[in-house]
Amino acid sequence: MATVNFSVPDDVKAAFNAAYQGQNKSAVIAGLMREAVDRAIRKQQHHQAIADILVLRGQMPTVSAEAIRAARDELRQP
C-alpha cells in the first residue's frame, strides 16, 4: 500500500474531519480518489466520443434544408 502526502487548507481539513468523524479517513480518502479517477476517465471518454462524432460528421455529405424538408414531407404522407 502506498502513502500519499499532500497539503490542504485548514478549513478543508476541519470540514473533512467533522464530516467523517469516527471513520477510517484513509479508506474515505482512497474511495474519494477512486471516484475522482473514475470521473476523470469518464470525462476523457466523453471528450473522445465528441471528437469522434465531429470527425464522422465532417465526413458526411451536406444536405440542404430543402432536401431535409422534402424527405420529412415524404415520410409524413400516408
C-alpha atoms as a PDB file:
ATOM      1  CA  MET A   1       0.000   0.000   0.000  1.00  0.00           C
ATOM      2  CA  ALA A   2       1.324   3.456  -0.914  1.00  0.00           C
ATOM      3  CA  THR A   3       1.424   6.541   1.268  1.00  0.00           C
ATOM      4  CA  VAL A   4       0.367   9.889  -0.189  1.00  0.00           C
ATOM      5  CA  ASN A   5       1.154  13.203   1.441  1.00  0.00           C
ATOM      6  CA  PHE A   6      -0.446  16.444   0.335  1.00  0.00           C
ATOM      7  CA  SER A   7      -1.415  19.790   1.817  1.00  0.00           C
ATOM      8  CA  VAL A   8      -4.951  21.109   2.117  1.00  0.00           C
ATOM      9  CA  PRO A   9      -6.316  24.359   3.503  1.00  0.00           C
ATOM     10  CA  ASP A  10      -7.041  24.242   7.241  1.00  0.00           C
ATOM     11  CA  ASP A  11     -10.767  24.851   6.708  1.00  0.00           C
ATOM     12  CA  VAL A  12     -10.998  21.887   4.314  1.00  0.00           C
ATOM     13  CA  LYS A  13      -9.198  19.643   6.805  1.00  0.00           C
ATOM     14  CA  ALA A  14     -11.530  20.740   9.625  1.00  0.00           C
ATOM     15  CA  ALA A  15     -14.637  20.208   7.475  1.00  0.00           C
ATOM     16  CA  PHE A  16     -13.383  16.790   6.349  1.00  0.00           C
ATOM     17  CA  ASN A  17     -12.623  15.710   9.909  1.00  0.00           C
ATOM     18  CA  ALA A  18     -16.070  16.855  11.039  1.00  0.00           C
ATOM     19  CA  ALA A  19     -17.871  15.185   8.143  1.00  0.00           C
ATOM     20  CA  TYR A  20     -16.040  11.867   8.530  1.00  0.00           C
ATOM     21  CA  GLN A  21     -15.650  11.800  12.295  1.00  0.00           C
ATOM     22  CA  GLY A  22     -15.183   8.271  13.619  1.00  0.00           C
ATOM     23  CA  GLN A  23     -14.500   6.803  10.170  1.00  0.00           C
ATOM     24  CA  ASN A  24     -11.314   5.387   8.717  1.00  0.00           C
ATOM     25  CA  LYS A  25     -10.116   8.533   6.975  1.00  0.00           C
ATOM     26  CA  SER A  26      -7.552   6.663   4.875  1.00  0.00           C
ATOM     27  CA  ALA A  27     -10.335   4.477   3.474  1.00  0.00           C
ATOM     28  CA  VAL A  28     -12.525   7.536   2.864  1.00  0.00           C
ATOM     29  CA  ILE A  29      -9.708   9.335   1.021  1.00  0.00           C
ATOM     30  CA  ALA A  30      -8.967   6.214  -1.049  1.00  0.00           C
ATOM     31  CA  GLY A  31     -12.645   5.975  -2.014  1.00  0.00           C
ATOM     32  CA  LEU A  32     -12.785   9.650  -2.940  1.00  0.00           C
ATOM     33  CA  MET A  33      -9.629   9.269  -5.017  1.00  0.00           C
ATOM     34  CA  ARG A  34     -11.144   6.267  -6.840  1.00  0.00           C
ATOM     35  CA  GLU A  35     -14.253   8.334  -7.606  1.00  0.00           C
ATOM     36  CA  ALA A  36     -12.084  11.190  -8.903  1.00  0.00           C
ATOM     37  CA  VAL A  37     -10.121   8.816 -11.146  1.00  0.00           C
ATOM     38  CA  ASP A  38     -13.343   7.271 -12.500  1.00  0.00           C
ATOM     39  CA  ARG A  39     -14.769  10.749 -13.128  1.00  0.00           C
ATOM     40  CA  ALA A  40     -11.601  11.824 -14.973  1.00  0.00           C
ATOM     41  CA  ILE A  41     -11.682   8.684 -17.131  1.00  0.00           C
ATOM     42  CA  ARG A  42     -15.359   9.235 -17.992  1.00  0.00           C
ATOM     43  CA  LYS A  43     -14.597  12.859 -18.866  1.00  0.00           C
ATOM     44  CA  GLN A  44     -11.771  11.787 -21.195  1.00  0.00           C
ATOM     45  CA  GLN A  45     -14.043   9.196 -22.823  1.00  0.00           C
ATOM     46  CA  HIS A  46     -16.769  11.820 -23.228  1.00  0.00           C
ATOM     47  CA  HIS A  47     -14.366  14.235 -24.917  1.00  0.00           C
ATOM     48  CA  GLN A  48     -13.052  11.464 -27.187  1.00  0.00           C
ATOM     49  CA  ALA A  49     -16.592  10.449 -28.146  1.00  0.00           C
ATOM     50  CA  ILE A  50     -17.398  14.049 -29.091  1.00  0.00           C
ATOM     51  CA  ALA A  51     -14.203  14.290 -31.129  1.00  0.00           C
ATOM     52  CA  ASP A  52     -15.053  11.020 -32.912  1.00  0.00           C
ATOM     53  CA  ILE A  53     -18.588  12.244 -33.681  1.00  0.00           C
ATOM     54  CA  LEU A  54     -17.242  15.520 -35.059  1.00  0.00           C
ATOM     55  CA  VAL A  55     -14.826  13.623 -37.317  1.00  0.00           C
ATOM     56  CA  LEU A  56     -17.664  11.437 -38.613  1.00  0.00           C
ATOM     57  CA  ARG A  57     -19.893  14.463 -39.035  1.00  0.00           C
ATOM     58  CA  GLY A  58     -17.206  16.144 -41.115  1.00  0.00           C
ATOM     59  CA  GLN A  59     -17.138  13.124 -43.428  1.00  0.00           C
ATOM     60  CA  MET A  60     -20.885  13.185 -44.063  1.00  0.00           C
ATOM     61  CA  PRO A  61     -22.211  14.888 -47.163  1.00  0.00           C
ATOM     62  CA  THR A  62     -24.038  18.152 -46.587  1.00  0.00           C
ATOM     63  CA  VAL A  63     -27.780  18.166 -47.135  1.00  0.00           C
ATOM     64  CA  SER A  64     -29.746  21.285 -47.918  1.00  0.00           C
ATOM     65  CA  ALA A  65     -32.674  22.444 -45.820  1.00  0.00           C
ATOM     66  CA  GLU A  66     -34.913  21.912 -48.842  1.00  0.00           C
ATOM     67  CA  ALA A  67     -33.833  18.281 -49.146  1.00  0.00           C
ATOM     68  CA  ILE A  68     -34.498  17.717 -45.454  1.00  0.00           C
ATOM     69  CA  ARG A  69     -37.958  19.311 -45.751  1.00  0.00           C
ATOM     70  CA  ALA A  70     -38.738  17.174 -48.809  1.00  0.00           C
ATOM     71  CA  ALA A  71     -37.684  13.992 -47.017  1.00  0.00           C
ATOM     72  CA  ARG A  72     -39.778  14.945 -43.991  1.00  0.00           C
ATOM     73  CA  ASP A  73     -42.812  15.682 -46.156  1.00  0.00           C
ATOM     74  CA  GLU A  74     -42.377  12.377 -47.969  1.00  0.00           C
ATOM     75  CA  LEU A  75     -42.238  10.446 -44.696  1.00  0.00           C
ATOM     76  CA  ARG A  76     -45.338  12.217 -43.335  1.00  0.00           C
ATOM     77  CA  GLN A  77     -47.530  11.239 -46.252  1.00  0.00           C
ATOM     78  CA  PRO A  78     -49.787   8.251 -45.539  1.00  0.00           C
END
